[in-house]
N, C-alpha and C. Protein backbone atom coordinates (compact mmCIF):
# COMPACT_ATOMS: atom_id res chain seq x y z
N UNK A 1 125.40 102.73 105.13
CA UNK A 1 124.93 104.11 105.00
C UNK A 1 124.87 105.33 106.13
N UNK A 2 125.24 106.21 105.63
CA UNK A 2 125.58 107.18 107.00
C UNK A 2 124.46 108.08 107.03
N UNK A 3 124.38 108.52 108.70
CA UNK A 3 123.12 108.97 109.22
C UNK A 3 122.94 110.11 109.07
N UNK A 4 121.85 110.52 108.57
CA UNK A 4 121.71 111.88 108.31
C UNK A 4 121.43 112.80 109.61
N UNK A 5 121.91 114.37 108.79
CA UNK A 5 122.12 115.47 110.09
C UNK A 5 120.64 115.76 110.13
N UNK A 6 120.58 116.57 111.46
CA UNK A 6 119.30 117.52 111.45
C UNK A 6 118.17 116.59 112.44
N UNK A 7 116.96 117.51 112.83
CA UNK A 7 116.37 116.83 113.65
C UNK A 7 115.04 115.78 112.53
N UNK A 8 114.54 115.01 113.28
CA UNK A 8 113.75 113.99 112.31
C UNK A 8 112.49 114.95 112.36
N UNK A 9 111.66 114.87 110.96
CA UNK A 9 110.45 115.97 111.02
C UNK A 9 109.32 114.79 111.19
N UNK A 10 109.00 113.89 111.95
CA UNK A 10 108.38 112.97 111.98
C UNK A 10 106.80 113.72 111.78
N UNK A 11 106.46 114.58 112.36
CA UNK A 11 105.04 115.03 112.02
C UNK A 11 104.78 115.51 110.84
N UNK A 12 105.49 116.41 110.37
CA UNK A 12 105.63 116.93 109.03
C UNK A 12 105.45 116.00 108.04
N UNK A 13 106.71 115.20 108.16
CA UNK A 13 106.73 114.36 106.90
C UNK A 13 105.53 113.34 106.95
N UNK A 14 105.07 112.71 108.39
CA UNK A 14 104.09 111.96 108.24
C UNK A 14 102.48 112.91 107.64
N UNK A 15 102.58 113.75 107.59
CA UNK A 15 101.40 114.66 107.38
C UNK A 15 101.26 114.51 105.72
N UNK A 16 102.41 114.98 105.23
CA UNK A 16 102.55 115.26 103.82
C UNK A 16 103.14 113.69 102.98
N UNK A 17 102.95 112.58 103.74
CA UNK A 17 102.96 111.21 103.39
C UNK A 17 101.72 110.97 103.28
N UNK A 18 101.09 111.13 104.10
CA UNK A 18 99.61 110.73 104.22
C UNK A 18 98.36 111.37 103.27
N UNK A 19 98.95 112.43 102.88
CA UNK A 19 98.34 113.39 101.60
C UNK A 19 98.73 113.04 100.50
N UNK A 20 99.85 112.55 100.39
CA UNK A 20 100.18 111.67 99.03
C UNK A 20 99.61 110.07 98.87
N UNK A 21 99.31 109.66 99.91
CA UNK A 21 98.61 108.02 100.12
C UNK A 21 97.11 108.20 99.91
N UNK A 22 96.42 109.57 100.37
CA UNK A 22 95.25 109.54 99.93
C UNK A 22 94.64 109.58 98.52
N UNK A 23 95.87 109.80 97.70
CA UNK A 23 95.39 110.37 96.50
C UNK A 23 95.83 108.60 95.53
N UNK A 24 96.31 107.65 96.34
CA UNK A 24 96.83 106.76 95.51
C UNK A 24 95.26 105.51 95.18
N UNK A 25 95.34 104.70 94.34
CA UNK A 25 93.91 103.96 94.05
C UNK A 25 93.92 103.05 95.28
N UNK A 26 92.66 103.01 95.76
CA UNK A 26 92.41 101.98 96.84
C UNK A 26 92.36 100.64 96.28
N UNK A 27 92.30 99.81 97.19
CA UNK A 27 92.00 98.22 97.08
C UNK A 27 90.59 97.97 96.05
N UNK A 28 89.70 98.61 96.71
CA UNK A 28 88.13 98.38 95.81
C UNK A 28 88.65 98.99 94.24
N UNK A 29 89.22 100.13 93.95
CA UNK A 29 89.64 100.32 92.85
C UNK A 29 90.35 99.61 91.92
N UNK A 30 91.63 98.99 92.39
CA UNK A 30 92.38 98.11 92.16
C UNK A 30 91.84 96.66 91.75
N UNK A 31 90.83 96.37 92.10
CA UNK A 31 90.34 94.98 92.06
C UNK A 31 89.05 95.22 90.65
N UNK A 32 88.98 96.04 90.67
CA UNK A 32 88.24 96.73 89.50
C UNK A 32 89.15 96.76 88.03
N UNK A 33 90.13 97.58 88.59
CA UNK A 33 91.37 97.40 87.32
C UNK A 33 91.78 96.32 86.72
N UNK A 34 91.80 95.10 87.84
CA UNK A 34 92.59 93.97 87.31
C UNK A 34 91.40 93.33 86.61
N UNK A 35 90.11 93.42 86.13
CA UNK A 35 89.37 93.17 85.59
C UNK A 35 89.08 93.43 83.96
N UNK A 36 90.13 95.04 83.89
CA UNK A 36 89.92 95.32 82.95
C UNK A 36 91.14 95.19 81.80
N UNK A 37 91.02 95.04 80.53
CA UNK A 37 92.25 94.96 79.98
C UNK A 37 93.04 95.63 79.95
N UNK A 38 94.26 95.77 79.05
CA UNK A 38 95.48 97.00 79.63
C UNK A 38 95.15 98.33 79.11
N UNK A 39 94.24 98.40 77.80
CA UNK A 39 93.82 99.77 77.16
C UNK A 39 93.23 100.41 78.27
N UNK A 40 92.47 99.55 78.88
CA UNK A 40 91.11 100.26 79.60
C UNK A 40 92.24 100.76 81.27
N UNK A 41 92.74 99.44 81.56
CA UNK A 41 93.57 100.15 82.40
C UNK A 41 94.17 101.27 82.48
N UNK A 42 95.13 101.61 81.11
CA UNK A 42 95.77 103.01 80.95
C UNK A 42 95.06 103.84 81.12
N UNK A 43 93.61 103.98 80.41
CA UNK A 43 93.28 104.90 80.26
C UNK A 43 92.62 105.43 82.00
N UNK A 44 92.16 104.24 82.81
CA UNK A 44 91.76 104.52 84.34
C UNK A 44 92.73 105.65 84.93
N UNK A 45 93.93 104.82 84.85
CA UNK A 45 94.98 105.39 85.78
C UNK A 45 95.77 106.49 85.44
N UNK A 46 95.25 106.82 83.94
CA UNK A 46 95.81 108.73 83.65
C UNK A 46 94.50 109.26 84.16
N UNK A 47 93.20 109.12 84.59
CA UNK A 47 92.42 110.00 85.64
C UNK A 47 92.69 109.52 86.82
N UNK A 48 93.76 108.96 87.11
CA UNK A 48 93.85 108.70 88.71
C UNK A 48 95.23 109.67 89.14
N UNK A 49 95.48 110.33 88.01
CA UNK A 49 97.07 111.28 88.28
C UNK A 49 98.15 110.66 87.86
N UNK A 50 98.28 109.81 86.79
CA UNK A 50 99.18 109.13 86.04
C UNK A 50 99.02 109.50 84.41
N UNK A 51 98.78 110.90 84.44
CA UNK A 51 98.21 111.19 82.97
C UNK A 51 99.73 111.35 82.32
N UNK A 52 100.68 112.43 82.90
CA UNK A 52 101.67 112.72 82.51
C UNK A 52 102.82 111.87 82.20
N UNK A 53 103.03 110.89 83.62
CA UNK A 53 103.83 109.70 83.08
C UNK A 53 103.31 108.95 81.68
N UNK A 54 102.12 108.67 81.75
CA UNK A 54 101.80 107.74 80.76
C UNK A 54 101.96 108.51 79.24
N UNK A 55 101.55 110.09 79.28
CA UNK A 55 101.94 110.78 77.74
C UNK A 55 103.53 110.77 77.71
N UNK A 56 104.44 110.65 78.42
CA UNK A 56 105.80 110.58 78.51
C UNK A 56 106.30 109.41 77.54
N UNK A 57 105.75 108.52 77.36
CA UNK A 57 105.84 107.40 76.83
C UNK A 57 105.35 106.62 76.11
N UNK A 58 103.97 107.39 75.98
CA UNK A 58 102.61 106.97 75.05
C UNK A 58 103.39 107.02 73.41
N UNK A 59 104.05 108.21 73.10
CA UNK A 59 104.68 107.70 71.45
C UNK A 59 105.52 106.84 71.29
N UNK A 60 105.60 106.24 72.15
CA UNK A 60 106.83 104.75 71.59
C UNK A 60 106.13 103.76 71.92
N UNK A 61 105.75 103.58 73.48
CA UNK A 61 105.22 102.15 73.94
C UNK A 61 103.75 102.05 74.34
N UNK A 62 103.11 101.21 74.43
CA UNK A 62 101.48 100.56 74.44
C UNK A 62 101.49 99.54 75.20
N UNK A 63 100.16 99.42 75.69
CA UNK A 63 99.53 98.48 76.29
C UNK A 63 100.72 97.89 77.93
N UNK A 64 100.65 96.89 78.02
CA UNK A 64 101.61 96.94 79.39
C UNK A 64 102.90 97.33 79.61
N UNK A 65 103.89 97.36 78.22
CA UNK A 65 104.83 98.12 78.78
C UNK A 65 104.66 99.61 78.83
N UNK A 66 104.01 100.47 78.31
CA UNK A 66 103.72 101.45 78.85
C UNK A 66 103.04 101.88 80.05
N UNK A 67 102.38 101.06 80.69
CA UNK A 67 101.93 101.12 82.14
C UNK A 67 102.85 100.98 83.06
N UNK A 68 103.92 99.80 82.86
CA UNK A 68 104.95 99.76 83.39
C UNK A 68 105.89 100.90 83.39
N UNK A 69 106.15 101.18 82.65
CA UNK A 69 107.13 102.21 82.26
C UNK A 69 106.51 103.79 82.88
N UNK A 70 105.49 104.04 82.59
CA UNK A 70 104.70 104.96 83.09
C UNK A 70 104.95 104.97 84.84
N UNK A 71 104.38 103.85 85.53
CA UNK A 71 104.51 103.75 86.90
C UNK A 71 105.76 103.51 87.39
N UNK A 72 106.59 102.76 86.75
CA UNK A 72 107.96 103.00 87.28
C UNK A 72 108.45 104.48 87.47
N UNK A 73 108.73 105.48 86.35
CA UNK A 73 108.63 106.71 86.25
C UNK A 73 107.89 107.37 87.42
N UNK A 74 106.65 107.24 87.86
CA UNK A 74 106.18 107.70 88.72
C UNK A 74 106.54 107.27 90.23
N UNK A 75 106.93 106.46 90.27
CA UNK A 75 107.51 105.89 91.72
C UNK A 75 109.19 106.73 92.13
N UNK A 76 109.90 106.78 91.00
CA UNK A 76 111.18 107.14 90.97
C UNK A 76 110.96 108.53 91.62
N UNK A 77 109.62 109.02 91.08
CA UNK A 77 109.75 110.44 91.06
C UNK A 77 109.46 110.87 92.50
N UNK A 78 108.09 109.96 92.89
CA UNK A 78 107.75 110.39 94.07
C UNK A 78 108.92 109.81 95.28
N UNK A 79 109.92 108.67 94.91
CA UNK A 79 110.60 108.65 96.24
C UNK A 79 111.39 109.65 96.25
N UNK A 80 111.96 110.50 95.26
CA UNK A 80 112.88 111.59 95.20
C UNK A 80 112.15 112.58 96.02
N UNK A 81 110.98 113.25 95.91
CA UNK A 81 110.08 113.90 96.49
C UNK A 81 110.03 113.69 97.97
N UNK A 82 109.84 112.57 98.39
CA UNK A 82 109.56 111.98 99.66
C UNK A 82 110.81 112.06 100.39
N UNK A 83 112.21 111.79 99.87
CA UNK A 83 113.60 112.13 100.52
C UNK A 83 113.68 113.18 100.75
N UNK A 84 113.25 114.13 99.67
CA UNK A 84 113.50 115.55 99.72
C UNK A 84 112.78 116.42 100.98
N UNK A 85 111.28 116.12 101.46
CA UNK A 85 110.87 116.67 102.44
C UNK A 85 111.15 115.99 103.95
N UNK A 86 111.83 114.69 104.02
CA UNK A 86 112.01 114.19 104.71
C UNK A 86 113.24 114.45 105.75
N UNK A 87 113.59 114.75 107.00
CA UNK A 87 114.84 115.03 107.38
C UNK A 87 115.02 114.06 108.95
N UNK A 88 116.38 113.76 108.94
CA UNK A 88 116.77 113.08 110.14
C UNK A 88 116.88 111.91 109.92
N UNK A 89 116.62 111.17 110.95
CA UNK A 89 116.30 109.62 110.83
C UNK A 89 115.29 108.84 109.91
N UNK A 90 113.65 109.95 109.86
CA UNK A 90 112.87 109.63 108.79
C UNK A 90 113.64 109.68 107.53
N UNK A 91 114.58 110.36 107.23
CA UNK A 91 114.89 110.40 105.85
C UNK A 91 115.70 108.99 105.73
N UNK A 92 116.46 108.25 106.95
CA UNK A 92 117.42 107.28 106.84
C UNK A 92 116.44 105.84 106.64
N UNK A 93 115.24 106.13 106.95
CA UNK A 93 114.04 104.82 106.76
C UNK A 93 113.89 104.95 105.47
N UNK A 94 113.42 106.01 104.60
CA UNK A 94 112.96 105.93 103.33
C UNK A 94 114.12 105.88 102.40
N UNK A 95 115.12 106.28 102.78
CA UNK A 95 116.49 106.03 102.31
C UNK A 95 117.06 104.48 102.07
N UNK A 96 116.95 103.68 102.99
CA UNK A 96 116.88 102.02 102.78
C UNK A 96 115.93 101.81 101.60
N UNK A 97 114.42 101.88 101.80
CA UNK A 97 114.01 101.24 100.91
C UNK A 97 114.56 101.96 99.60
N UNK A 98 114.26 103.43 99.36
CA UNK A 98 114.80 103.70 97.88
C UNK A 98 116.06 102.97 97.53
N UNK A 99 117.21 102.76 98.55
CA UNK A 99 118.24 102.13 97.92
C UNK A 99 118.31 100.88 97.33
N UNK A 100 117.73 100.27 97.42
CA UNK A 100 117.07 98.86 96.80
C UNK A 100 116.81 99.07 95.18
N UNK A 101 116.33 99.93 95.10
CA UNK A 101 116.23 100.50 93.13
C UNK A 101 117.54 100.44 92.61
N UNK A 102 118.43 101.29 93.84
CA UNK A 102 119.74 101.64 93.01
C UNK A 102 120.81 100.10 92.64
N UNK A 103 120.42 99.51 94.19
CA UNK A 103 121.33 98.15 93.82
C UNK A 103 120.90 97.20 92.53
N UNK A 104 119.32 97.39 92.68
CA UNK A 104 118.57 96.67 91.05
C UNK A 104 119.15 96.97 90.13
N UNK A 105 119.55 98.14 90.17
CA UNK A 105 119.69 98.68 88.24
C UNK A 105 121.38 98.46 88.57
N UNK A 106 121.88 98.48 89.46
CA UNK A 106 123.31 97.90 88.88
C UNK A 106 123.42 96.25 88.48
N UNK A 107 122.26 95.69 89.15
CA UNK A 107 122.52 94.23 88.40
C UNK A 107 122.27 94.55 87.64
N UNK A 108 121.11 95.08 86.91
CA UNK A 108 120.38 95.12 85.64
C UNK A 108 121.45 95.66 84.57
N UNK A 109 122.21 96.60 84.80
CA UNK A 109 123.48 96.63 84.52
C UNK A 109 124.61 95.91 83.80
N UNK A 110 125.08 95.24 85.20
CA UNK A 110 125.95 94.11 85.02
C UNK A 110 125.14 92.63 83.81
N UNK A 111 123.74 92.47 84.18
CA UNK A 111 123.31 91.78 83.25
C UNK A 111 123.48 91.72 81.88
N UNK A 112 122.90 93.32 81.52
CA UNK A 112 123.08 93.74 80.43
C UNK A 112 124.59 93.45 79.34
N UNK A 113 125.15 94.08 80.16
CA UNK A 113 126.68 93.90 79.59
C UNK A 113 127.22 92.19 79.68
N UNK A 114 126.64 91.41 80.36
CA UNK A 114 127.15 90.03 80.18
C UNK A 114 126.30 89.18 79.58
N UNK A 115 125.18 89.82 78.90
CA UNK A 115 124.54 89.14 78.00
C UNK A 115 124.59 90.08 76.38
N UNK A 116 125.34 90.93 76.66
CA UNK A 116 125.43 91.81 75.13
C UNK A 116 124.10 92.38 74.91
N UNK A 117 123.61 92.64 75.65
CA UNK A 117 122.16 93.10 75.28
C UNK A 117 122.02 94.68 74.44
N UNK A 118 121.16 94.78 73.65
CA UNK A 118 121.24 95.68 72.51
C UNK A 118 120.81 96.85 73.20
N UNK A 119 121.96 98.05 73.04
CA UNK A 119 121.77 99.10 73.54
C UNK A 119 120.48 100.20 73.48
N UNK A 120 119.75 100.04 72.31
CA UNK A 120 118.65 100.35 71.60
C UNK A 120 117.54 99.84 72.68
N UNK A 121 117.40 98.43 72.68
CA UNK A 121 116.65 97.78 73.64
C UNK A 121 116.67 98.03 74.97
N UNK A 122 118.04 98.32 75.66
CA UNK A 122 118.16 98.88 76.83
C UNK A 122 117.73 100.12 77.33
N UNK A 123 117.94 101.14 76.39
CA UNK A 123 117.88 102.56 76.56
C UNK A 123 115.95 102.87 76.42
N UNK A 124 115.26 101.97 75.61
CA UNK A 124 113.82 101.91 75.33
C UNK A 124 112.88 101.43 76.18
N UNK A 125 113.36 100.01 76.43
CA UNK A 125 112.25 99.27 76.90
C UNK A 125 112.97 98.92 78.53
N UNK A 126 114.36 98.54 79.14
CA UNK A 126 114.99 97.90 80.16
C UNK A 126 114.84 99.22 81.40
N UNK A 127 115.66 100.20 80.66
CA UNK A 127 116.00 101.21 81.53
C UNK A 127 115.65 102.78 80.64
N UNK A 128 114.41 102.89 80.31
CA UNK A 128 113.88 104.08 79.72
C UNK A 128 114.55 105.06 79.86
N UNK A 129 115.04 106.08 79.09
CA UNK A 129 116.27 107.30 78.93
C UNK A 129 114.99 108.31 79.23
N UNK A 130 113.51 108.14 79.16
CA UNK A 130 113.00 109.11 79.45
C UNK A 130 112.98 109.41 81.02
N UNK A 131 113.22 109.02 81.75
CA UNK A 131 113.57 108.46 83.52
C UNK A 131 114.76 108.81 83.98
N UNK A 132 114.99 110.25 83.93
CA UNK A 132 116.62 110.95 84.03
C UNK A 132 117.04 110.02 85.26
N UNK A 133 116.58 109.14 86.44
CA UNK A 133 117.24 108.58 86.88
C UNK A 133 118.30 107.49 86.40
N UNK A 134 117.56 107.08 85.33
CA UNK A 134 118.30 105.89 84.33
C UNK A 134 119.29 106.35 83.54
N UNK A 135 119.63 107.56 83.37
CA UNK A 135 120.68 108.03 82.41
C UNK A 135 122.06 107.93 82.91
N UNK A 136 122.20 107.64 84.14
CA UNK A 136 123.66 107.39 84.82
C UNK A 136 123.98 106.10 84.60
N UNK A 137 122.76 105.09 84.65
CA UNK A 137 122.90 103.37 84.70
C UNK A 137 122.91 103.41 82.81
N UNK A 138 122.45 104.40 81.97
CA UNK A 138 122.42 103.79 80.95
C UNK A 138 123.91 104.26 80.11
N UNK A 139 124.41 105.68 80.95
CA UNK A 139 125.71 105.77 80.22
C UNK A 139 126.85 104.55 80.96
N UNK A 140 126.69 104.26 82.06
CA UNK A 140 127.50 102.90 82.48
C UNK A 140 127.67 101.73 81.53
N UNK A 141 126.36 101.48 80.80
CA UNK A 141 126.03 100.12 80.32
C UNK A 141 126.99 100.39 78.89
N UNK A 142 126.57 101.94 78.43
CA UNK A 142 126.92 102.14 77.11
C UNK A 142 128.85 102.22 77.07
N UNK A 143 129.11 102.65 78.26
CA UNK A 143 130.47 102.55 78.24
C UNK A 143 131.42 101.35 78.67
N UNK A 144 130.79 100.47 79.08
CA UNK A 144 131.44 99.68 79.37
C UNK A 144 130.99 98.43 78.34
N UNK A 145 132.14 97.69 78.16
CA UNK A 145 132.18 96.31 77.21
C UNK A 145 132.46 94.88 78.04
N UNK A 146 132.88 95.49 79.56
CA UNK A 146 133.17 93.79 80.23
C UNK A 146 132.61 94.58 81.45
N UNK A 147 132.21 93.63 82.36
CA UNK A 147 132.08 93.57 83.57
C UNK A 147 132.94 94.23 84.53
N UNK A 148 134.18 93.87 84.35
CA UNK A 148 135.14 94.85 85.19
C UNK A 148 134.90 96.22 85.37
N UNK A 149 134.78 96.69 83.84
CA UNK A 149 134.52 97.81 83.45
C UNK A 149 133.80 98.67 83.57
N UNK A 150 132.45 97.58 84.05
CA UNK A 150 131.36 98.45 84.64
C UNK A 150 131.49 98.58 86.12
N UNK A 151 132.22 97.79 86.52
CA UNK A 151 132.53 97.74 88.08
C UNK A 151 133.72 98.94 88.36
N UNK A 152 134.55 99.20 87.60
CA UNK A 152 135.35 100.64 87.91
C UNK A 152 134.47 101.58 87.52
N UNK A 153 133.86 101.79 86.43
CA UNK A 153 132.81 102.85 86.55
C UNK A 153 132.08 103.26 88.04
N UNK A 154 131.38 102.40 88.15
CA UNK A 154 130.63 102.23 89.70
C UNK A 154 131.27 103.06 90.37
N UNK A 155 132.91 102.86 90.65
CA UNK A 155 133.39 103.89 91.67
C UNK A 155 133.03 103.41 93.19
N UNK A 156 132.86 104.66 93.79
CA UNK A 156 132.96 104.52 95.27
C UNK A 156 131.31 104.64 95.63
N UNK A 157 130.59 104.25 95.02
CA UNK A 157 129.40 104.03 95.02
C UNK A 157 129.12 102.72 95.90
N UNK A 158 127.89 102.53 96.87
CA UNK A 158 127.89 101.25 97.59
C UNK A 158 128.12 100.20 97.00
N UNK A 159 127.45 100.17 95.75
CA UNK A 159 127.40 98.93 95.02
C UNK A 159 128.86 98.80 94.25
N UNK A 160 129.48 99.87 93.92
CA UNK A 160 130.94 99.73 93.36
C UNK A 160 131.73 99.10 94.22
N UNK A 161 131.75 99.83 95.44
CA UNK A 161 132.45 99.46 96.14
C UNK A 161 132.74 97.59 96.72
N UNK A 162 130.98 97.34 96.83
CA UNK A 162 131.09 96.15 96.90
C UNK A 162 131.86 95.07 95.91
N UNK A 163 131.02 95.42 94.86
CA UNK A 163 131.64 94.68 93.88
C UNK A 163 133.50 94.68 93.24
N UNK A 164 134.01 95.67 93.74
CA UNK A 164 135.44 95.70 93.87
C UNK A 164 136.04 95.14 94.74
N UNK A 165 135.49 94.34 95.73
CA UNK A 165 135.89 93.78 96.66
C UNK A 165 136.04 92.36 96.42
N UNK A 166 135.28 91.69 95.65
CA UNK A 166 135.28 90.16 94.41
C UNK A 166 136.67 90.00 93.68
N UNK A 167 136.91 88.68 94.34
CA UNK A 167 138.22 88.29 93.57
C UNK A 167 138.00 88.50 92.04
N UNK A 168 138.98 88.51 91.15
CA UNK A 168 139.25 88.89 89.90
C UNK A 168 138.33 87.22 89.23
N UNK A 169 137.42 87.43 88.14
CA UNK A 169 137.04 86.12 87.32
C UNK A 169 135.99 85.78 88.14
N UNK A 170 135.29 86.77 89.19
CA UNK A 170 133.70 86.13 89.88
C UNK A 170 132.73 86.31 88.65
N UNK A 171 131.87 85.38 88.62
CA UNK A 171 130.69 85.11 87.96
C UNK A 171 129.39 85.78 88.21
N UNK A 172 128.67 86.38 87.07
CA UNK A 172 127.64 87.50 86.99
C UNK A 172 126.65 86.78 88.76
N UNK A 173 126.80 85.40 89.20
CA UNK A 173 125.77 85.16 89.88
C UNK A 173 126.44 85.81 91.32
N UNK A 174 127.98 85.60 91.26
CA UNK A 174 128.57 85.84 92.31
C UNK A 174 128.24 86.87 92.77
N UNK A 175 128.65 88.14 91.82
CA UNK A 175 128.23 89.42 91.55
C UNK A 175 126.90 90.12 92.55
N UNK A 176 125.88 89.54 91.77
CA UNK A 176 124.65 89.67 92.03
C UNK A 176 124.28 89.31 93.61
N UNK A 177 124.86 88.55 93.82
CA UNK A 177 124.58 87.74 95.11
C UNK A 177 125.23 88.53 95.90
N UNK A 178 126.70 88.74 96.02
CA UNK A 178 127.20 89.92 96.75
C UNK A 178 126.48 91.30 97.07
N UNK A 179 125.95 91.72 95.87
CA UNK A 179 124.88 92.98 96.17
C UNK A 179 123.89 92.70 96.67
N UNK A 180 123.31 91.59 96.72
CA UNK A 180 121.95 91.49 98.03
C UNK A 180 122.57 91.41 99.05
N UNK A 181 123.61 90.92 99.44
CA UNK A 181 124.06 90.86 101.29
C UNK A 181 124.96 91.99 101.33
N UNK A 182 125.19 92.88 100.65
CA UNK A 182 125.57 94.17 100.63
C UNK A 182 124.46 95.22 101.12
N UNK A 183 123.23 94.82 100.40
CA UNK A 183 122.17 96.11 100.68
C UNK A 183 121.44 95.35 101.72
N UNK A 184 121.55 94.03 102.48
CA UNK A 184 120.63 94.04 103.68
C UNK A 184 121.52 94.26 104.54
N UNK A 185 122.82 94.02 104.69
CA UNK A 185 123.66 94.27 105.86
C UNK A 185 124.01 95.51 105.95
N UNK A 186 123.92 96.31 104.96
CA UNK A 186 123.64 98.10 105.15
C UNK A 186 122.37 98.40 106.03
N UNK A 187 121.55 97.65 105.29
CA UNK A 187 120.10 98.30 105.75
C UNK A 187 119.88 98.03 107.64
N UNK A 188 120.31 96.59 107.78
CA UNK A 188 120.57 96.07 109.12
C UNK A 188 121.63 96.85 110.14
N UNK A 189 122.87 97.36 109.54
CA UNK A 189 123.14 97.93 110.32
C UNK A 189 122.62 99.35 110.24
N UNK A 190 121.69 100.05 109.87
CA UNK A 190 121.43 101.67 109.58
C UNK A 190 120.43 101.25 110.67
N UNK A 191 119.83 99.85 111.11
CA UNK A 191 118.63 100.23 111.68
C UNK A 191 118.79 100.15 113.28
N UNK A 192 120.20 99.77 113.30
CA UNK A 192 121.06 99.21 114.79
C UNK A 192 121.92 100.21 115.28
N UNK A 193 122.08 101.40 114.27
CA UNK A 193 123.10 102.19 114.87
C UNK A 193 122.63 103.17 115.85
N UNK A 194 123.45 103.69 117.28
CA UNK A 194 123.21 104.18 118.29
C UNK A 194 122.15 105.96 117.98
N UNK A 195 121.23 105.98 118.46
CA UNK A 195 120.34 106.84 118.11
C UNK A 195 119.15 106.29 117.46
N UNK A 196 119.16 105.61 116.30
CA UNK A 196 118.41 105.11 115.52
C UNK A 196 116.62 105.16 115.94
N UNK A 197 115.89 105.56 115.08
CA UNK A 197 114.34 105.67 115.85
C UNK A 197 113.82 104.20 115.06
N UNK A 198 114.55 103.00 114.92
CA UNK A 198 114.03 102.15 114.06
C UNK A 198 113.61 101.17 115.32
N UNK A 199 112.75 99.90 114.82
CA UNK A 199 112.36 98.75 115.87
C UNK A 199 111.67 97.99 115.00
N UNK A 200 113.07 96.52 115.22
CA UNK A 200 113.58 95.72 114.32
C UNK A 200 112.36 94.60 114.88
N UNK A 201 111.43 93.80 114.02
CA UNK A 201 111.02 92.85 114.51
C UNK A 201 111.48 91.54 114.03
N UNK A 202 111.37 90.94 114.81
CA UNK A 202 112.24 89.29 114.68
C UNK A 202 110.69 88.12 114.84
């Protein structure tokens, strides 16, 4: 992962992050939610700032699937927005966390192709097409009939480079293990670069 250019905006990004954190459901409210049924949880989180995300999926999903899709959509959008207002090494720290979801999606695509997952199920339940961040992954899964084809489409991305180095005939498990190793190796490398503001806890 390349280091971001520019000065780290610790004060500004911290203030904005704390403002967003104050809008989250606190521990007391979370315990109350866990005592409710799924429909009541949906109604409660709608009143806690997630209504737009729930409404986006409400026409075709319900229950736990609706809640999961809405919260995942909200998380993806929040990560993109936080990355946008962070600069320098602060952005690098957030990017390490955000990148884990990209690697996870790469594994999801590989699993879908390997198992012959139905594309309708993939685009409606596993990687909902309403979430714009899923569209590149859906396109990749749709255009690939084999794992090597998917790896080719991943191109020069970090996950694509990792998979392209594996020997021909590698199993799905070997591919997933390689992606996990690559993510954590890159994360550790990023926090060890000269000028990095990270502190490793051992």
